[in-house]
């Protein structure tokens, strides 16, 4: 089943319209990345996520160009790594991303990880100038805590629209989600399948059997049903990418939601040494 535009779209208070289900490209490289992006767009995805750190922007851009989908119908996100957050470095990094992606603009550019050694105000100023120059439509952050979001919006007046964070049924991100909503941001959930943990969970499998769906489809549906949440599952398999997209023809009921809520805890699959002090789960 192909999702309708309304089913796929979430809207933030800044007026940004972004497909709630995107295609993630972390760890995809070269021809595999190019072909999977092209395949994802043929399936119906209209939101593609990459990052400078992934080293695959050229392949992502090639996949978009080789698809039959016009560039203006693809919501394209990239991210700048934490060692390029000074003003000149961030500006140069954005220009490099545009060159590698072979596009005139990004729909969304994010700070990939916070860096306490670089003033946040300096990075946000660079993002704002890139936006004014028309090189990016929207700007945002990734892996920001409640306090860092507040610093960006309330102390610096930044018009960020998104915080991309790890989010799946085993990680309680309610504090971050609630604060994002208060500040007018949406969340993008990376690792929405907890790097393979979701498909093997008995509770999610049981809920899936009830609806004729897989555990992965249940988890993705749970995320996008929350409102103000997008999910970007990655797949190197066309079959799995297609299955991940087939989540708009069913809905979770209150019993399902309650069972999933019991799974939510503090399980993180991405927690590098440079991570900020996470909010309590």
Protein backbone atom coordinates (compact mmCIF):
# COMPACT_ATOMS: atom_id res chain seq x y z
CA UNK A 1 0.00 0.00 0.00
CA UNK A 2 1.29 3.44 -0.89
CA UNK A 3 0.83 6.04 1.83
CA UNK A 4 -1.03 9.20 1.03
CA UNK A 5 0.61 12.60 1.31
CA UNK A 6 -1.48 13.43 4.37
CA UNK A 7 -0.51 10.20 6.10
CA UNK A 8 3.16 10.85 5.48
CA UNK A 9 3.29 14.50 6.44
CA UNK A 10 3.96 16.08 9.82
CA UNK A 11 3.88 19.80 10.40
CA UNK A 12 5.82 21.78 12.98
CA UNK A 13 4.88 25.17 14.37
CA UNK A 14 7.35 26.77 11.97
CA UNK A 15 5.28 25.51 9.04
CA UNK A 16 7.74 22.90 7.81
CA UNK A 17 6.11 19.93 6.09
CA UNK A 18 8.19 16.78 6.27
CA UNK A 19 7.27 13.17 5.45
CA UNK A 20 6.97 11.31 8.73
CA UNK A 21 8.65 8.21 7.33
CA UNK A 22 12.08 8.78 5.84
CA UNK A 23 14.86 6.61 4.47
CA UNK A 24 18.05 6.56 6.55
CA UNK A 25 21.43 5.94 4.92
CA UNK A 26 23.80 5.41 7.86
CA UNK A 27 26.42 2.73 6.94
CA UNK A 28 25.27 2.59 3.30
CA UNK A 29 28.06 3.31 0.84
CA UNK A 30 28.80 3.57 -2.86
CA UNK A 31 26.62 1.79 -5.39
CA UNK A 32 24.59 0.07 -2.67
CA UNK A 33 23.67 3.45 -1.19
CA UNK A 34 22.87 4.94 -4.59
CA UNK A 35 20.69 1.99 -5.58
CA UNK A 36 18.87 1.87 -2.24
CA UNK A 37 18.06 5.59 -2.33
CA UNK A 38 16.76 5.18 -5.86
CA UNK A 39 14.72 2.14 -4.81
CA UNK A 40 13.34 3.88 -1.72
CA UNK A 41 12.08 6.77 -3.83
CA UNK A 42 10.43 4.33 -6.24
CA UNK A 43 8.69 2.67 -3.27
CA UNK A 44 7.26 6.01 -2.18
CA UNK A 45 9.69 7.51 0.32
CA UNK A 46 10.04 11.27 -0.05
CA UNK A 47 12.38 11.97 2.88
CA UNK A 48 16.06 10.98 2.71
CA UNK A 49 18.57 11.42 5.53
CA UNK A 50 22.36 11.55 5.22
CA UNK A 51 25.32 13.23 6.94
CA UNK A 52 28.84 14.34 6.14
CA UNK A 53 30.13 11.76 8.61
CA UNK A 54 28.48 8.94 6.65
CA UNK A 55 30.74 9.61 3.67
CA UNK A 56 27.91 8.82 1.26
CA UNK A 57 26.53 12.20 0.18
CA UNK A 58 27.72 11.69 -3.40
CA UNK A 59 25.95 8.33 -3.58
CA UNK A 60 22.78 9.75 -2.00
CA UNK A 61 22.76 12.59 -4.53
CA UNK A 62 23.26 10.14 -7.38
CA UNK A 63 20.36 8.01 -6.19
CA UNK A 64 18.06 11.02 -6.10
CA UNK A 65 19.16 12.22 -9.55
CA UNK A 66 18.76 8.77 -11.09
CA UNK A 67 15.27 8.35 -9.67
CA UNK A 68 12.13 9.50 -11.43
CA UNK A 69 11.25 11.77 -8.51
CA UNK A 70 11.90 15.50 -8.99
CA UNK A 71 14.31 17.04 -6.48
CA UNK A 72 11.65 19.43 -5.17
CA UNK A 73 9.55 16.45 -4.07
CA UNK A 74 12.31 15.00 -1.88
CA UNK A 75 12.89 16.28 1.66
CA UNK A 76 16.68 15.98 1.92
CA UNK A 77 18.49 16.22 5.25
CA UNK A 78 22.22 16.29 5.97
CA UNK A 79 24.26 16.91 9.10
CA UNK A 80 27.54 18.66 9.95
CA UNK A 81 29.99 16.81 12.19
CA UNK A 82 31.03 18.12 15.59
CA UNK A 83 34.54 19.14 14.47
CA UNK A 84 33.14 21.58 11.89
CA UNK A 85 30.93 23.77 14.07
CA UNK A 86 32.91 27.01 14.05
CA UNK A 87 31.28 29.57 11.74
CA UNK A 88 33.67 29.28 8.77
CA UNK A 89 34.01 25.52 9.11
CA UNK A 90 30.27 24.95 9.24
CA UNK A 91 29.67 27.20 6.24
CA UNK A 92 32.35 25.39 4.24
CA UNK A 93 30.96 22.01 5.30
CA UNK A 94 27.50 22.97 4.07
CA UNK A 95 28.88 24.11 0.72
CA UNK A 96 30.79 20.82 0.42
CA UNK A 97 27.60 18.87 1.11
CA UNK A 98 25.77 20.77 -1.61
CA UNK A 99 28.57 19.99 -4.05
CA UNK A 100 28.66 16.29 -3.21
CA UNK A 101 24.88 15.96 -3.28
CA UNK A 102 24.78 18.02 -6.49
CA UNK A 103 21.88 20.10 -5.27
CA UNK A 104 21.33 23.82 -4.88
CA UNK A 105 19.83 23.51 -1.42
CA UNK A 106 19.18 21.22 1.51
CA UNK A 107 15.72 20.97 2.99
CA UNK A 108 17.19 20.52 6.47
CA UNK A 109 20.72 20.93 7.84
CA UNK A 110 21.51 19.73 11.35
CA UNK A 111 24.32 20.02 13.87
CA UNK A 112 25.12 16.30 14.15
CA UNK A 113 26.37 16.31 17.76
CA UNK A 114 26.79 19.16 20.25
CA UNK A 115 30.35 20.29 20.91
CA UNK A 116 30.95 22.10 24.20
CA UNK A 117 34.23 23.50 22.87
CA UNK A 118 32.43 25.59 20.25
CA UNK A 119 29.96 28.28 21.33
CA UNK A 120 26.50 27.14 20.30
CA UNK A 121 25.67 30.72 19.35
CA UNK A 122 28.43 30.68 16.71
CA UNK A 123 27.13 27.49 15.11
CA UNK A 124 23.55 28.72 15.16
CA UNK A 125 24.61 31.99 13.53
CA UNK A 126 26.22 30.05 10.69
CA UNK A 127 23.07 27.97 10.22
CA UNK A 128 20.92 31.11 10.17
CA UNK A 129 23.15 32.73 7.55
CA UNK A 130 23.04 29.61 5.38
CA UNK A 131 19.26 29.72 5.63
CA UNK A 132 19.14 33.40 4.68
CA UNK A 133 21.38 32.66 1.72
CA UNK A 134 18.89 30.07 0.46
CA UNK A 135 21.33 27.18 0.79
CA UNK A 136 19.13 25.44 3.35
CA UNK A 137 15.38 25.71 3.85
CA UNK A 138 15.34 24.73 7.52
CA UNK A 139 17.91 24.18 10.25
CA UNK A 140 18.04 22.04 13.34
CA UNK A 141 20.08 19.95 15.72
CA UNK A 142 20.74 16.32 16.58
CA UNK A 143 21.48 14.54 19.85
CA UNK A 144 20.48 17.62 21.87
CA UNK A 145 19.20 17.28 25.40
CA UNK A 146 16.35 19.29 26.92
CA UNK A 147 18.82 21.85 28.24
CA UNK A 148 20.63 22.20 24.92
CA UNK A 149 17.35 22.70 23.06
CA UNK A 150 16.43 25.42 25.54
CA UNK A 151 19.83 27.05 25.07
CA UNK A 152 19.37 27.07 21.32
CA UNK A 153 15.83 28.42 21.25
CA UNK A 154 15.35 30.42 24.44
CA UNK A 155 18.86 31.81 24.94
CA UNK A 156 19.87 32.22 21.30
CA UNK A 157 16.51 32.71 19.61
CA UNK A 158 17.33 30.09 16.98
CA UNK A 159 14.58 29.14 14.55
CA UNK A 160 15.46 25.46 14.62
CA UNK A 161 12.69 23.07 13.61
CA UNK A 162 14.04 19.64 14.50
CA UNK A 163 16.01 17.59 16.98
CA UNK A 164 17.13 14.21 15.61
CA UNK A 165 17.63 11.69 18.42
CA UNK A 166 17.76 7.97 19.02
CA UNK A 167 14.18 6.88 19.62
CA UNK A 168 12.55 3.45 19.65
CA UNK A 169 10.24 1.44 21.93
CA UNK A 170 13.06 0.61 24.36
CA UNK A 171 14.20 4.20 24.98
CA UNK A 172 11.96 6.65 26.81
CA UNK A 173 12.39 10.01 25.11
CA UNK A 174 9.29 11.64 26.57
CA UNK A 175 11.20 14.47 28.33
CA UNK A 176 12.90 15.43 25.05
CA UNK A 177 9.73 15.02 23.00
CA UNK A 178 7.61 17.08 25.37
CA UNK A 179 10.16 19.90 25.44
CA UNK A 180 10.54 19.78 21.67
CA UNK A 181 6.79 20.22 21.32
CA UNK A 182 6.81 23.12 23.76
CA UNK A 183 9.55 24.80 21.76
CA UNK A 184 7.88 24.15 18.42
CA UNK A 185 10.21 21.41 17.16
CA UNK A 186 9.55 17.97 15.76
CA UNK A 187 11.71 14.94 16.55
CA UNK A 188 13.31 12.67 13.99
CA UNK A 189 13.89 9.18 15.38
CA UNK A 190 17.12 7.54 14.30
CA UNK A 191 17.76 3.87 15.06
CA UNK A 192 13.97 3.44 15.21
CA UNK A 193 14.39 -0.35 15.11
CA UNK A 194 17.12 -0.30 17.79
CA UNK A 195 19.64 -1.80 15.39
CA UNK A 196 17.86 -5.13 15.07
CA UNK A 197 16.46 -5.47 18.59
CA UNK A 198 12.90 -4.55 17.60
CA UNK A 199 12.18 -7.44 15.19
CA UNK A 200 12.98 -10.03 17.87
CA UNK A 201 10.94 -8.54 20.71
CA UNK A 202 8.06 -10.86 21.76
CA UNK A 203 5.71 -8.04 22.76
CA UNK A 204 6.10 -6.21 19.46
CA UNK A 205 5.81 -9.50 17.58
CA UNK A 206 2.53 -10.27 19.36
CA UNK A 207 1.10 -6.85 18.57
CA UNK A 208 2.18 -7.34 14.97
CA UNK A 209 0.42 -10.70 14.72
CA UNK A 210 -2.76 -9.02 15.91
CA UNK A 211 -2.62 -6.58 13.00
CA UNK A 212 -1.05 -8.83 10.40
CA UNK A 213 2.19 -6.84 10.63
CA UNK A 214 5.79 -7.37 11.71
CA UNK A 215 7.34 -6.11 14.93
CA UNK A 216 9.33 -3.57 12.90
CA UNK A 217 6.18 -2.22 11.29
CA UNK A 218 4.57 -1.91 14.73
CA UNK A 219 7.53 0.09 16.08
CA UNK A 220 7.57 2.44 13.10
CA UNK A 221 3.81 2.92 13.29
CA UNK A 222 4.11 3.66 17.02
CA UNK A 223 6.62 6.41 16.31
CA UNK A 224 4.74 8.20 13.53
CA UNK A 225 1.40 7.94 15.37
CA UNK A 226 2.76 10.15 18.15
CA UNK A 227 2.58 13.30 16.06
CA UNK A 228 5.59 15.60 15.68
CA UNK A 229 7.77 12.51 15.21
CA UNK A 230 9.42 11.31 12.02
CA UNK A 231 11.32 8.02 11.71
CA UNK A 232 14.23 7.22 9.39
CA UNK A 233 14.80 3.46 9.27
CA UNK A 234 17.79 2.32 7.22
CA UNK A 235 17.80 -0.76 5.03
CA UNK A 236 20.20 -2.33 2.56
CA UNK A 237 17.38 -4.56 1.31
CA UNK A 238 14.66 -3.39 -1.07
CA UNK A 239 12.30 -5.93 0.50
CA UNK A 240 12.84 -4.51 3.99
CA UNK A 241 12.61 -0.92 2.76
CA UNK A 242 9.26 -1.74 1.17
CA UNK A 243 8.03 -3.47 4.32
CA UNK A 244 9.08 -0.49 6.45
CA UNK A 245 6.97 1.74 4.24
CA UNK A 246 3.82 -0.36 4.67
CA UNK A 247 2.71 1.15 7.98
CA UNK A 248 -0.08 3.48 6.92
CA UNK A 249 -2.86 0.92 6.57
CA UNK A 250 -3.33 0.10 10.26
CA UNK A 251 -3.44 1.82 13.63
CA UNK A 252 -2.44 0.85 17.14
CA UNK A 253 -5.19 0.76 19.78
CA UNK A 254 -4.97 1.73 23.44
CA UNK A 255 -4.06 -1.79 24.51
CA UNK A 256 -1.19 -1.83 22.01
CA UNK A 257 0.02 1.55 23.21
CA UNK A 258 -0.07 0.42 26.83
CA UNK A 259 1.95 -2.71 26.09
CA UNK A 260 4.58 -0.73 24.22
CA UNK A 261 4.75 1.82 27.03
CA UNK A 262 5.84 -1.00 29.37
CA UNK A 263 8.89 -1.59 27.14
CA UNK A 264 10.12 1.97 27.38
CA UNK A 265 13.27 2.28 29.44
CA UNK A 266 16.83 3.51 29.11
CA UNK A 267 18.23 1.21 26.43
CA UNK A 268 20.53 3.16 24.12
CA UNK A 269 22.33 1.62 21.17
CA UNK A 270 24.22 4.84 20.33
CA UNK A 271 26.13 6.31 23.28
CA UNK A 272 29.62 7.49 22.26
CA UNK A 273 32.14 9.03 24.61
CA UNK A 274 31.43 12.51 23.24
CA UNK A 275 27.69 12.31 23.93
CA UNK A 276 26.15 14.96 26.19
CA UNK A 277 24.78 14.01 29.60
CA UNK A 278 21.50 12.47 28.52
CA UNK A 279 18.20 13.37 30.15
CA UNK A 280 16.92 10.66 32.51
CA UNK A 281 14.78 8.09 30.71
